[in-house]
N, C-alpha and C. Protein backbone atom coordinates (compact mmCIF):
# COMPACT_ATOMS: atom_id res chain seq x y z
N MET A 1 96.90 -241.55 -10.36
CA MET A 1 96.86 -242.08 -11.86
C MET A 1 98.30 -242.40 -12.38
N LYS A 2 98.38 -242.96 -12.32
CA LYS A 2 99.78 -244.19 -12.78
C LYS A 2 100.76 -243.45 -13.67
N LYS A 3 102.44 -242.84 -13.31
CA LYS A 3 102.51 -242.78 -14.32
C LYS A 3 103.62 -243.65 -15.60
N LYS A 4 103.09 -243.22 -16.27
CA LYS A 4 103.80 -243.79 -17.85
C LYS A 4 105.88 -243.25 -17.27
N GLU A 5 106.62 -244.72 -17.88
CA GLU A 5 107.86 -244.63 -18.08
C GLU A 5 108.64 -244.96 -19.47
N LEU A 6 109.44 -244.44 -19.86
CA LEU A 6 109.57 -244.83 -21.20
C LEU A 6 111.01 -245.90 -20.79
N LYS A 7 110.78 -247.46 -20.80
CA LYS A 7 112.52 -248.05 -20.30
C LYS A 7 113.36 -247.93 -22.35
N ILE A 8 114.45 -248.22 -21.28
CA ILE A 8 115.54 -248.34 -22.57
C ILE A 8 115.38 -249.74 -22.10
N PRO A 9 115.72 -250.06 -23.83
CA PRO A 9 115.71 -251.67 -24.04
C PRO A 9 117.41 -252.33 -23.76
N LEU A 10 117.44 -253.62 -23.35
CA LEU A 10 118.37 -254.23 -23.50
C LEU A 10 119.53 -253.72 -24.03
N ILE A 11 120.65 -254.51 -23.81
CA ILE A 11 121.48 -254.61 -25.52
C ILE A 11 122.31 -256.01 -25.03
N LYS A 12 122.16 -256.76 -25.89
CA LYS A 12 122.97 -258.63 -25.81
C LYS A 12 124.37 -257.90 -26.13
N ASP A 13 125.04 -257.23 -26.38
CA ASP A 13 126.24 -257.45 -26.52
C ASP A 13 126.82 -255.84 -26.98
N GLY A 14 127.49 -255.52 -25.97
CA GLY A 14 128.03 -253.66 -26.11
C GLY A 14 128.54 -253.25 -25.09
N THR A 15 128.37 -251.58 -25.32
CA THR A 15 128.78 -250.93 -23.86
C THR A 15 128.05 -250.10 -23.26
N VAL A 16 128.43 -249.97 -21.98
CA VAL A 16 127.42 -248.78 -21.50
C VAL A 16 127.86 -248.03 -20.83
N ILE A 17 127.64 -246.68 -20.71
CA ILE A 17 128.94 -245.80 -20.07
C ILE A 17 127.36 -244.84 -19.30
N ASP A 18 128.66 -245.41 -18.03
CA ASP A 18 127.41 -244.80 -17.37
C ASP A 18 127.87 -243.56 -16.45
N HIS A 19 127.49 -242.81 -15.67
CA HIS A 19 128.18 -241.62 -14.42
C HIS A 19 128.68 -240.66 -15.71
N ILE A 20 128.11 -240.11 -16.94
CA ILE A 20 128.61 -239.43 -17.55
C ILE A 20 128.52 -237.43 -17.04
N THR A 21 129.46 -236.40 -17.01
CA THR A 21 128.80 -235.75 -16.34
C THR A 21 127.82 -235.09 -16.83
N ALA A 22 126.91 -234.56 -16.34
CA ALA A 22 125.26 -234.42 -16.91
C ALA A 22 126.03 -233.33 -18.23
N GLY A 23 124.85 -233.37 -18.83
CA GLY A 23 125.26 -232.61 -20.05
C GLY A 23 126.38 -232.89 -21.43
N GLN A 24 127.20 -234.00 -21.07
CA GLN A 24 128.31 -234.22 -21.62
C GLN A 24 128.09 -235.65 -22.75
N ALA A 25 126.98 -235.76 -22.82
CA ALA A 25 126.67 -237.38 -23.56
C ALA A 25 126.72 -236.71 -24.83
N VAL A 26 126.75 -235.29 -25.41
CA VAL A 26 126.55 -235.81 -26.83
C VAL A 26 128.38 -235.49 -27.70
N LYS A 27 128.96 -234.91 -26.42
CA LYS A 27 130.66 -234.84 -26.79
C LYS A 27 130.93 -236.69 -26.75
N VAL A 28 130.04 -237.20 -25.94
CA VAL A 28 130.29 -238.59 -26.09
C VAL A 28 130.48 -239.20 -27.12
N LEU A 29 128.81 -238.99 -27.84
CA LEU A 29 128.76 -239.49 -29.36
C LEU A 29 129.88 -239.19 -29.69
N HIS A 30 130.09 -238.19 -30.13
CA HIS A 30 131.29 -237.03 -31.29
C HIS A 30 132.30 -238.19 -31.00
N ILE A 31 132.72 -238.39 -29.86
CA ILE A 31 133.81 -238.98 -29.54
C ILE A 31 134.01 -240.51 -30.17
N LEU A 32 132.85 -241.23 -30.41
CA LEU A 32 132.65 -242.42 -30.46
C LEU A 32 132.19 -242.48 -31.70
N GLY A 33 132.54 -241.57 -32.21
CA GLY A 33 132.43 -241.59 -33.69
C GLY A 33 130.31 -241.68 -34.56
N ILE A 34 129.29 -241.17 -33.84
CA ILE A 34 128.15 -241.87 -33.43
C ILE A 34 127.65 -240.65 -34.55
N PRO A 35 126.43 -241.03 -35.38
CA PRO A 35 126.08 -241.55 -35.51
C PRO A 35 126.71 -242.81 -36.69
N GLU A 36 128.18 -242.00 -37.40
CA GLU A 36 128.36 -242.62 -38.39
C GLU A 36 129.16 -243.88 -38.75
N LYS A 37 129.31 -244.14 -37.55
CA LYS A 37 130.41 -245.64 -37.02
C LYS A 37 128.91 -246.65 -36.37
N THR A 38 128.25 -246.37 -36.49
CA THR A 38 127.20 -247.24 -36.05
C THR A 38 125.65 -247.29 -36.19
N LEU A 39 125.97 -247.69 -37.83
CA LEU A 39 124.21 -246.88 -38.79
C LEU A 39 123.56 -248.74 -37.97
N ASP A 40 123.80 -249.61 -38.34
CA ASP A 40 122.47 -250.86 -37.91
C ASP A 40 122.84 -251.25 -36.35
N SER A 41 123.20 -250.17 -35.11
CA SER A 41 123.23 -250.73 -34.21
C SER A 41 122.57 -249.62 -33.07
N ILE A 42 121.67 -250.40 -32.19
CA ILE A 42 120.91 -249.63 -31.36
C ILE A 42 121.75 -248.19 -30.36
N VAL A 43 121.85 -247.05 -30.28
CA VAL A 43 122.34 -246.31 -29.37
C VAL A 43 121.89 -245.66 -28.52
N SER A 44 121.23 -245.79 -27.26
CA SER A 44 120.98 -244.99 -26.49
C SER A 44 121.31 -244.09 -25.51
N VAL A 45 120.80 -242.88 -25.88
CA VAL A 45 121.08 -241.84 -24.86
C VAL A 45 120.49 -241.11 -23.54
N VAL A 46 120.22 -241.52 -22.33
CA VAL A 46 119.60 -240.94 -21.60
C VAL A 46 120.55 -239.81 -21.14
N MET A 47 119.54 -238.21 -21.05
CA MET A 47 120.98 -237.02 -20.00
C MET A 47 120.17 -236.36 -19.16
N ASN A 48 120.91 -235.87 -18.45
CA ASN A 48 120.48 -234.84 -16.89
C ASN A 48 118.82 -236.29 -16.10
N VAL A 49 119.27 -237.75 -15.56
CA VAL A 49 118.65 -238.43 -14.85
C VAL A 49 119.58 -238.57 -13.40
N LYS A 50 118.31 -238.19 -12.71
CA LYS A 50 118.92 -238.10 -10.63
C LYS A 50 119.40 -239.33 -10.61
N SER A 51 120.64 -238.75 -10.09
CA SER A 51 121.58 -240.38 -9.89
C SER A 51 121.72 -239.84 -8.15
N LYS A 52 122.44 -240.62 -7.28
CA LYS A 52 122.98 -240.24 -5.69
C LYS A 52 124.02 -239.09 -5.23
N ILE A 53 124.53 -238.42 -6.78
CA ILE A 53 125.52 -237.75 -6.49
C ILE A 53 125.36 -236.45 -7.67
N GLY A 54 123.84 -236.39 -7.71
CA GLY A 54 123.21 -235.47 -8.64
C GLY A 54 122.66 -235.46 -10.32
N LYS A 55 123.45 -235.55 -11.24
CA LYS A 55 122.76 -235.26 -12.89
C LYS A 55 123.25 -235.99 -12.80
N LYS A 56 123.05 -237.03 -13.69
CA LYS A 56 124.28 -237.69 -15.16
C LYS A 56 124.01 -238.08 -16.78
N ASP A 57 124.97 -238.46 -17.40
CA ASP A 57 124.55 -238.80 -18.42
C ASP A 57 124.40 -240.61 -18.37
N ILE A 58 123.52 -241.15 -19.22
CA ILE A 58 124.09 -242.35 -19.90
C ILE A 58 124.55 -242.61 -21.10
N VAL A 59 125.08 -243.53 -22.21
CA VAL A 59 124.65 -243.50 -23.10
C VAL A 59 125.41 -245.03 -23.63
N LYS A 60 124.46 -245.50 -24.19
CA LYS A 60 124.11 -247.43 -24.55
C LYS A 60 124.83 -247.51 -25.56
N VAL A 61 125.81 -248.42 -26.32
CA VAL A 61 126.18 -248.57 -27.70
C VAL A 61 125.98 -250.22 -28.16
N GLU A 62 125.01 -250.58 -28.70
CA GLU A 62 125.12 -252.11 -29.28
C GLU A 62 125.87 -252.50 -29.51
N ASN A 63 126.85 -253.47 -29.77
CA ASN A 63 127.52 -254.57 -30.71
C ASN A 63 128.77 -253.58 -30.74
N ARG A 64 129.34 -252.88 -29.87
CA ARG A 64 130.60 -252.32 -29.49
C ARG A 64 131.16 -252.11 -28.62
N GLU A 65 132.44 -252.06 -28.31
CA GLU A 65 133.51 -252.10 -27.10
C GLU A 65 134.73 -251.38 -27.29
N LEU A 66 134.65 -250.23 -26.41
CA LEU A 66 135.58 -248.88 -26.24
C LEU A 66 137.34 -249.47 -27.18
N LYS A 67 137.61 -248.87 -28.02
CA LYS A 67 138.86 -248.42 -27.54
C LYS A 67 139.61 -247.94 -26.46
N PRO A 68 140.51 -248.18 -25.85
CA PRO A 68 141.57 -247.65 -25.16
C PRO A 68 141.82 -245.54 -25.56
N GLU A 69 142.25 -246.00 -26.50
CA GLU A 69 141.85 -244.10 -26.56
C GLU A 69 140.44 -243.40 -26.53
N GLU A 70 139.88 -244.39 -27.32
CA GLU A 70 138.25 -243.70 -26.88
C GLU A 70 137.30 -243.78 -24.74
N VAL A 71 138.84 -243.89 -24.95
CA VAL A 71 138.32 -244.53 -23.25
C VAL A 71 139.06 -243.25 -22.68
N ASN A 72 140.05 -243.05 -23.06
CA ASN A 72 141.18 -242.29 -22.39
C ASN A 72 140.55 -240.58 -23.24
N LYS A 73 139.48 -240.30 -24.29
CA LYS A 73 139.52 -239.11 -24.64
C LYS A 73 137.72 -238.95 -23.96
N ILE A 74 137.27 -240.14 -23.61
CA ILE A 74 135.91 -239.70 -23.03
C ILE A 74 136.68 -239.17 -21.36
N ALA A 75 137.29 -239.41 -20.59
CA ALA A 75 137.85 -239.67 -19.15
C ALA A 75 138.77 -238.12 -18.84
N LEU A 76 138.79 -237.09 -20.22
CA LEU A 76 138.77 -235.91 -20.26
C LEU A 76 137.35 -235.71 -19.61
N ILE A 77 136.60 -236.02 -20.51
CA ILE A 77 135.29 -234.80 -20.26
C ILE A 77 134.31 -235.51 -19.47
N ALA A 78 134.58 -236.98 -19.11
CA ALA A 78 133.81 -236.76 -17.67
C ALA A 78 134.52 -237.95 -17.00
N PRO A 79 135.11 -237.47 -16.25
CA PRO A 79 136.34 -237.91 -15.05
C PRO A 79 135.57 -239.35 -13.96
N LYS A 80 134.18 -239.13 -14.22
CA LYS A 80 133.91 -239.57 -13.14
C LYS A 80 133.45 -241.08 -13.94
N ALA A 81 132.86 -241.33 -14.72
CA ALA A 81 131.97 -241.90 -16.05
C ALA A 81 133.05 -243.45 -15.35
N THR A 82 131.51 -244.49 -15.66
CA THR A 82 132.24 -245.77 -15.44
C THR A 82 131.54 -246.64 -16.94
N ILE A 83 132.20 -247.90 -17.54
CA ILE A 83 132.52 -248.12 -18.49
C ILE A 83 132.01 -250.00 -17.56
N ASN A 84 130.78 -250.02 -18.84
CA ASN A 84 129.99 -251.59 -18.20
C ASN A 84 129.97 -252.30 -19.99
N ILE A 85 131.58 -253.25 -19.21
CA ILE A 85 130.91 -254.16 -21.25
C ILE A 85 129.98 -255.34 -20.84
N ILE A 86 129.13 -255.33 -21.91
CA ILE A 86 127.81 -255.97 -21.47
C ILE A 86 128.31 -257.17 -22.82
N ARG A 87 128.22 -258.19 -22.30
CA ARG A 87 127.81 -259.65 -23.55
C ARG A 87 127.31 -260.40 -23.03
N ASP A 88 125.65 -260.83 -23.68
CA ASP A 88 125.02 -261.93 -23.21
C ASP A 88 124.43 -261.20 -22.27
N TYR A 89 124.13 -260.04 -22.37
CA TYR A 89 122.86 -259.56 -21.94
C TYR A 89 123.72 -259.02 -20.86
N GLU A 90 124.74 -259.29 -19.69
CA GLU A 90 124.85 -259.33 -18.60
C GLU A 90 125.77 -258.48 -18.76
N VAL A 91 126.55 -258.01 -17.25
CA VAL A 91 127.74 -257.47 -17.12
C VAL A 91 128.86 -258.31 -17.16
N ALA A 92 129.84 -257.99 -18.40
CA ALA A 92 130.82 -259.16 -18.47
C ALA A 92 131.95 -258.63 -17.50
N LYS A 93 132.55 -257.08 -17.49
CA LYS A 93 133.26 -256.25 -17.30
C LYS A 93 132.90 -255.06 -17.08
N LYS A 94 133.45 -254.77 -16.00
CA LYS A 94 133.12 -252.74 -15.13
C LYS A 94 134.35 -252.16 -14.55
N TYR A 95 134.49 -251.21 -14.96
CA TYR A 95 135.81 -250.33 -14.76
C TYR A 95 135.09 -248.96 -14.97
N LYS A 96 135.78 -248.36 -14.04
CA LYS A 96 135.57 -246.69 -14.39
C LYS A 96 137.07 -246.52 -14.80
N VAL A 97 136.74 -245.08 -16.06
CA VAL A 97 137.58 -244.58 -16.63
C VAL A 97 139.46 -244.01 -15.46
N ASP A 98 140.07 -243.59 -16.48
CA ASP A 98 141.15 -242.99 -15.51
C ASP A 98 142.70 -242.39 -16.35
N LEU A 99 142.03 -241.37 -15.86
CA LEU A 99 143.02 -239.98 -16.92
C LEU A 99 144.27 -240.62 -16.56
N PRO A 100 145.28 -240.79 -17.66
CA PRO A 100 146.26 -241.07 -17.89
C PRO A 100 147.48 -239.66 -16.97
N GLU A 101 148.68 -240.12 -16.48
CA GLU A 101 149.41 -238.68 -16.24
C GLU A 101 149.81 -238.52 -17.54
N GLU A 102 149.51 -239.02 -18.77
CA GLU A 102 150.04 -238.27 -20.17
C GLU A 102 149.30 -238.70 -20.93
N ILE A 103 149.25 -237.34 -21.73
CA ILE A 103 148.01 -237.58 -23.14
C ILE A 103 148.62 -237.07 -24.13
N VAL A 104 148.57 -238.50 -24.88
CA VAL A 104 149.55 -237.84 -25.88
C VAL A 104 148.59 -238.48 -27.23
N GLY A 105 148.08 -237.07 -27.85
CA GLY A 105 148.17 -237.92 -29.52
C GLY A 105 146.03 -237.65 -29.44
N ILE A 106 145.94 -237.16 -28.68
CA ILE A 106 144.31 -237.02 -28.15
C ILE A 106 143.54 -235.63 -28.12
N VAL A 107 144.69 -234.33 -27.72
CA VAL A 107 144.70 -233.11 -27.72
C VAL A 107 145.01 -232.22 -27.88
N ARG A 108 145.11 -232.01 -29.14
CA ARG A 108 145.02 -230.64 -30.41
C ARG A 108 145.60 -229.15 -29.14
N CYS A 109 146.92 -228.95 -29.06
CA CYS A 109 147.66 -227.49 -28.69
C CYS A 109 146.99 -226.43 -29.29
N PRO A 110 146.15 -225.68 -27.93
CA PRO A 110 145.62 -224.58 -28.68
C PRO A 110 146.30 -223.13 -28.88
N ASN A 111 147.71 -223.73 -28.49
CA ASN A 111 148.69 -222.39 -29.69
C ASN A 111 149.61 -222.76 -30.61
N PRO A 112 148.91 -221.78 -31.77
CA PRO A 112 148.92 -222.43 -33.35
C PRO A 112 150.93 -222.06 -33.53
N ASN A 113 151.03 -221.85 -32.75
CA ASN A 113 152.57 -221.66 -32.38
C ASN A 113 153.72 -222.82 -31.79
N CYS A 114 152.83 -223.58 -31.52
CA CYS A 114 153.33 -224.86 -30.73
C CYS A 114 154.10 -225.64 -31.98
N ILE A 115 154.92 -226.65 -31.53
CA ILE A 115 155.91 -227.70 -32.37
C ILE A 115 154.62 -228.56 -32.47
N SER A 116 153.87 -228.89 -31.85
CA SER A 116 152.24 -229.76 -32.37
C SER A 116 151.70 -229.57 -33.11
N ASN A 117 151.57 -228.48 -34.09
CA ASN A 117 150.61 -227.57 -34.45
C ASN A 117 151.45 -227.41 -35.88
N THR A 118 152.73 -227.42 -35.86
CA THR A 118 153.35 -227.52 -37.82
C THR A 118 153.35 -228.10 -37.54
N ARG A 119 154.22 -228.48 -38.94
CA ARG A 119 154.34 -229.91 -39.93
C ARG A 119 155.55 -230.86 -39.80
N GLU A 120 155.75 -230.77 -37.99
CA GLU A 120 156.87 -231.37 -37.65
C GLU A 120 156.09 -232.50 -37.84
N PRO A 121 157.30 -233.64 -37.50
CA PRO A 121 156.49 -235.00 -37.29
C PRO A 121 156.03 -234.75 -35.52
N VAL A 122 155.44 -234.88 -34.75
CA VAL A 122 155.70 -234.58 -33.47
C VAL A 122 153.63 -233.97 -32.88
N GLU A 123 153.72 -235.12 -32.12
CA GLU A 123 152.48 -235.54 -31.49
C GLU A 123 152.01 -235.09 -30.67
N SER A 124 151.06 -233.85 -30.46
CA SER A 124 150.49 -233.85 -29.07
C SER A 124 151.06 -234.57 -28.04
N ARG A 125 151.22 -233.49 -26.84
CA ARG A 125 151.52 -234.83 -25.94
C ARG A 125 151.30 -233.47 -24.17
N PHE A 126 150.08 -233.98 -23.76
CA PHE A 126 149.89 -232.69 -22.55
C PHE A 126 150.41 -233.75 -21.03
N ARG A 127 150.95 -233.06 -20.25
CA ARG A 127 150.64 -233.36 -18.70
C ARG A 127 149.13 -233.37 -17.73
N VAL A 128 148.67 -234.21 -17.24
CA VAL A 128 147.77 -233.27 -16.56
C VAL A 128 148.23 -233.17 -15.19
N ILE A 129 147.30 -231.93 -14.39
CA ILE A 129 148.49 -231.31 -13.90
C ILE A 129 147.37 -231.17 -12.70
N SER A 130 146.28 -231.63 -13.05
CA SER A 130 144.44 -231.86 -11.77
C SER A 130 144.03 -232.45 -12.59
N LYS A 131 143.34 -233.48 -11.79
CA LYS A 131 142.47 -234.41 -12.19
C LYS A 131 140.87 -234.08 -11.79
N ASP A 132 140.55 -233.00 -10.21
CA ASP A 132 139.65 -232.35 -9.99
C ASP A 132 139.89 -230.53 -9.89
N PRO A 133 139.54 -230.13 -10.60
CA PRO A 133 139.37 -230.02 -11.44
C PRO A 133 139.79 -230.66 -12.46
N ILE A 134 140.04 -230.82 -14.05
CA ILE A 134 140.79 -231.35 -14.83
C ILE A 134 141.67 -230.07 -15.51
N ARG A 135 142.54 -230.18 -14.89
CA ARG A 135 143.86 -229.58 -15.79
C ARG A 135 145.28 -230.58 -17.09
N ILE A 136 145.34 -229.76 -17.55
CA ILE A 136 146.50 -230.30 -18.63
C ILE A 136 147.40 -229.19 -19.57
N LYS A 137 148.27 -229.58 -19.32
CA LYS A 137 149.13 -228.12 -20.12
C LYS A 137 150.69 -229.15 -21.10
N CYS A 138 150.64 -227.93 -21.76
CA CYS A 138 150.90 -229.08 -23.22
C CYS A 138 152.36 -228.94 -23.00
N TYR A 139 152.68 -230.15 -23.21
CA TYR A 139 154.45 -230.75 -22.72
C TYR A 139 155.23 -229.74 -23.73
N TYR A 140 154.67 -229.65 -24.98
CA TYR A 140 156.21 -228.51 -25.49
C TYR A 140 156.14 -227.40 -24.56
N CYS A 141 155.04 -226.42 -24.62
CA CYS A 141 154.57 -224.82 -24.79
C CYS A 141 154.09 -224.38 -23.27
N GLU A 142 154.34 -225.25 -23.06
CA GLU A 142 153.24 -224.87 -21.50
C GLU A 142 151.83 -224.04 -21.28
N ARG A 143 151.01 -224.31 -22.67
CA ARG A 143 149.81 -224.00 -22.94
C ARG A 143 148.70 -225.07 -21.95
N GLU A 144 148.01 -224.21 -21.32
CA GLU A 144 146.48 -225.17 -20.75
C GLU A 144 145.07 -224.55 -21.77
N PRO A 145 144.81 -225.99 -22.43
CA PRO A 145 143.47 -225.46 -22.70
C PRO A 145 142.69 -224.92 -22.37
N ASP A 146 142.09 -223.47 -22.22
CA ASP A 146 140.75 -223.98 -21.95
C ASP A 146 139.41 -224.76 -21.65
N ASN A 147 139.66 -225.22 -23.21
CA ASN A 147 138.08 -226.12 -22.70
C ASN A 147 138.51 -227.29 -23.88
N ILE A 148 139.32 -228.00 -23.12
CA ILE A 148 139.70 -229.38 -23.96
C ILE A 148 139.02 -230.29 -24.21
N ALA A 149 137.43 -230.54 -24.33
CA ALA A 149 136.75 -230.89 -25.20
C ALA A 149 136.70 -230.46 -26.89
N ASP A 150 136.28 -229.36 -26.78
CA ASP A 150 136.77 -228.26 -27.87
C ASP A 150 138.21 -228.79 -28.78
N ASN A 151 139.42 -229.18 -28.06
CA ASN A 151 140.07 -229.62 -28.49
C ASN A 151 140.77 -230.75 -28.66
N ILE A 152 139.79 -231.65 -28.37
CA ILE A 152 140.36 -233.37 -28.63
C ILE A 152 139.92 -233.46 -30.25
N ILE A 153 141.07 -234.30 -30.60
CA ILE A 153 141.45 -234.70 -31.99
C ILE A 153 140.35 -236.07 -32.21
């Protein structure tokens, strides 16, 4: 008996985020503001699929190209992700996410007394101290968030 498989439809234009760390697709959707920002577009999510390096998640978003700050946020929770820009059903551009040396304004410091959490006009700022595993340290108070994904702004 032949197994049936459900195929994910191709998208004409948009973005495919591949090689997301298994189980992190929902957090990627949250970063992208989905479903609020894509009410008229197809969004496909595949979780825990087999790959050459174990399991991964995939997110496809029709009619949307990612902003650099969205890519930086995704890099924090899926450092091995690849971004594929689709135009007219073809991959027009493909690149790996790259965690910058410094993260500004996208992660909240977990220290409630940090100057970045007060009413001062100071943006949060973190230094990347390790890329594998990802570890970041607050530029102002030296605190390291235990769970980076929970502190993404």
